[in-house]
């Protein structure tokens, strides 16, 4: 062991760092399918707006339609008034 350490310590250290040179970055390429991405985002936005309008319409149709408290009170008043007229 001692001889191995002696041999290793007696070797000259001639490690040199590799030369580092600057390499220019490649020029950014324009995306080839940019128009397809724009189309996809446009259609996605249109579908989102359409879904929002549909949900809004269905919600208000449910509130103003069969779930409306005005509709339930309407026929009851008509029956009472027809009985009072007799």
C-alpha atoms as a PDB file:
ATOM      1  CA  UNK A   1       0.000   0.000   0.000  1.00  0.00           C
ATOM      2  CA  UNK A   2       2.749   2.384   0.897  1.00  0.00           C
ATOM      3  CA  UNK A   3       4.497   1.779  -2.402  1.00  0.00           C
ATOM      4  CA  UNK A   4       1.314   2.456  -4.352  1.00  0.00           C
ATOM      5  CA  UNK A   5       0.803   5.733  -2.547  1.00  0.00           C
ATOM      6  CA  UNK A   6       4.429   6.668  -3.161  1.00  0.00           C
ATOM      7  CA  UNK A   7       4.138   5.947  -6.887  1.00  0.00           C
ATOM      8  CA  UNK A   8       0.915   7.881  -7.189  1.00  0.00           C
ATOM      9  CA  UNK A   9       2.238  10.861  -5.277  1.00  0.00           C
ATOM     10  CA  UNK A  10       5.437  10.984  -7.305  1.00  0.00           C
ATOM     11  CA  UNK A  11       3.636  11.193 -10.659  1.00  0.00           C
ATOM     12  CA  UNK A  12       3.577  14.714 -12.039  1.00  0.00           C
ATOM     13  CA  UNK A  13       0.106  16.215 -12.196  1.00  0.00           C
ATOM     14  CA  UNK A  14      -0.343  17.445 -15.739  1.00  0.00           C
ATOM     15  CA  UNK A  15      -4.051  17.660 -15.984  1.00  0.00           C
ATOM     16  CA  UNK A  16      -5.052  20.534 -18.128  1.00  0.00           C
ATOM     17  CA  UNK A  17      -8.574  21.777 -18.438  1.00  0.00           C
ATOM     18  CA  UNK A  18     -10.022  21.354 -21.892  1.00  0.00           C
ATOM     19  CA  UNK A  19     -10.240  24.539 -23.841  1.00  0.00           C
ATOM     20  CA  UNK A  20     -13.715  26.005 -23.619  1.00  0.00           C
ATOM     21  CA  UNK A  21     -14.867  28.031 -26.549  1.00  0.00           C
ATOM     22  CA  UNK A  22     -18.093  29.846 -27.095  1.00  0.00           C
ATOM     23  CA  UNK A  23     -20.410  28.340 -29.606  1.00  0.00           C
ATOM     24  CA  UNK A  24     -23.160  30.549 -30.992  1.00  0.00           C
ATOM     25  CA  UNK A  25     -26.682  29.377 -30.322  1.00  0.00           C
ATOM     26  CA  UNK A  26     -28.593  28.197 -33.348  1.00  0.00           C
ATOM     27  CA  UNK A  27     -30.950  30.728 -34.834  1.00  0.00           C
ATOM     28  CA  UNK A  28     -34.515  30.208 -33.579  1.00  0.00           C
ATOM     29  CA  UNK A  29     -36.620  28.585 -36.233  1.00  0.00           C
ATOM     30  CA  UNK A  30     -40.139  29.657 -36.827  1.00  0.00           C
ATOM     31  CA  UNK A  31     -42.508  26.885 -35.901  1.00  0.00           C
ATOM     32  CA  UNK A  32     -43.567  24.992 -38.942  1.00  0.00           C
ATOM     33  CA  UNK A  33     -47.078  24.329 -37.716  1.00  0.00           C
ATOM     34  CA  UNK A  34     -47.801  27.724 -36.169  1.00  0.00           C
ATOM     35  CA  UNK A  35     -50.991  28.151 -38.168  1.00  0.00           C
ATOM     36  CA  UNK A  36     -52.287  24.832 -36.848  1.00  0.00           C
ATOM     37  CA  UNK A  37     -51.645  25.890 -33.262  1.00  0.00           C
ATOM     38  CA  UNK A  38     -53.464  29.171 -33.897  1.00  0.00           C
ATOM     39  CA  UNK A  39     -56.411  27.289 -35.397  1.00  0.00           C
ATOM     40  CA  UNK A  40     -56.497  24.888 -32.447  1.00  0.00           C
ATOM     41  CA  UNK A  41     -56.477  27.725 -29.925  1.00  0.00           C
ATOM     42  CA  UNK A  42     -59.193  29.595 -31.844  1.00  0.00           C
ATOM     43  CA  UNK A  43     -61.440  26.547 -32.026  1.00  0.00           C
ATOM     44  CA  UNK A  44     -60.815  25.797 -28.372  1.00  0.00           C
ATOM     45  CA  UNK A  45     -61.827  29.328 -27.433  1.00  0.00           C
ATOM     46  CA  UNK A  46     -64.932  29.160 -29.602  1.00  0.00           C
ATOM     47  CA  UNK A  47     -65.942  25.829 -28.056  1.00  0.00           C
ATOM     48  CA  UNK A  48     -65.429  27.226 -24.585  1.00  0.00           C
ATOM     49  CA  UNK A  49     -67.658  30.216 -25.333  1.00  0.00           C
ATOM     50  CA  UNK A  50     -70.297  27.973 -26.933  1.00  0.00           C
ATOM     51  CA  UNK A  51     -70.309  25.657 -23.915  1.00  0.00           C
ATOM     52  CA  UNK A  52     -70.663  28.627 -21.574  1.00  0.00           C
ATOM     53  CA  UNK A  53     -73.630  29.986 -23.574  1.00  0.00           C
ATOM     54  CA  UNK A  54     -75.310  26.570 -23.615  1.00  0.00           C
ATOM     55  CA  UNK A  55     -74.891  26.111 -19.868  1.00  0.00           C
ATOM     56  CA  UNK A  56     -76.150  29.630 -19.205  1.00  0.00           C
ATOM     57  CA  UNK A  57     -79.207  29.052 -21.403  1.00  0.00           C
ATOM     58  CA  UNK A  58     -80.016  25.691 -19.820  1.00  0.00           C
ATOM     59  CA  UNK A  59     -79.662  27.151 -16.347  1.00  0.00           C
ATOM     60  CA  UNK A  60     -82.001  30.039 -17.057  1.00  0.00           C
ATOM     61  CA  UNK A  61     -84.443  27.767 -18.855  1.00  0.00           C
ATOM     62  CA  UNK A  62     -84.574  25.577 -15.745  1.00  0.00           C
ATOM     63  CA  UNK A  63     -85.059  28.570 -13.466  1.00  0.00           C
ATOM     64  CA  UNK A  64     -87.704  30.242 -15.641  1.00  0.00           C
ATOM     65  CA  UNK A  65     -89.298  26.978 -16.727  1.00  0.00           C
ATOM     66  CA  UNK A  66     -90.465  24.094 -14.570  1.00  0.00           C
ATOM     67  CA  UNK A  67     -88.582  25.275 -11.479  1.00  0.00           C
ATOM     68  CA  UNK A  68     -90.063  28.762 -11.543  1.00  0.00           C
ATOM     69  CA  UNK A  69     -92.065  29.670  -8.416  1.00  0.00           C
ATOM     70  CA  UNK A  70     -94.188  32.104 -10.475  1.00  0.00           C
ATOM     71  CA  UNK A  71     -95.489  29.292 -12.604  1.00  0.00           C
ATOM     72  CA  UNK A  72     -96.621  27.291  -9.567  1.00  0.00           C
ATOM     73  CA  UNK A  73     -98.481  30.234  -8.047  1.00  0.00           C
ATOM     74  CA  UNK A  74    -100.215  31.157 -11.321  1.00  0.00           C
ATOM     75  CA  UNK A  75    -102.810  28.351 -11.645  1.00  0.00           C
ATOM     76  CA  UNK A  76    -103.610  28.376  -7.926  1.00  0.00           C
ATOM     77  CA  UNK A  77    -104.600  32.026  -8.127  1.00  0.00           C
ATOM     78  CA  UNK A  78    -106.741  31.392 -11.167  1.00  0.00           C
ATOM     79  CA  UNK A  79    -108.681  28.630  -9.408  1.00  0.00           C
ATOM     80  CA  UNK A  80    -109.337  30.769  -6.352  1.00  0.00           C
ATOM     81  CA  UNK A  81    -110.531  33.695  -8.439  1.00  0.00           C
ATOM     82  CA  UNK A  82    -112.867  31.499 -10.458  1.00  0.00           C
ATOM     83  CA  UNK A  83    -114.403  30.163  -7.262  1.00  0.00           C
ATOM     84  CA  UNK A  84    -114.929  33.676  -5.894  1.00  0.00           C
ATOM     85  CA  UNK A  85    -116.790  34.785  -8.995  1.00  0.00           C
ATOM     86  CA  UNK A  86    -119.562  32.203  -8.620  1.00  0.00           C
END
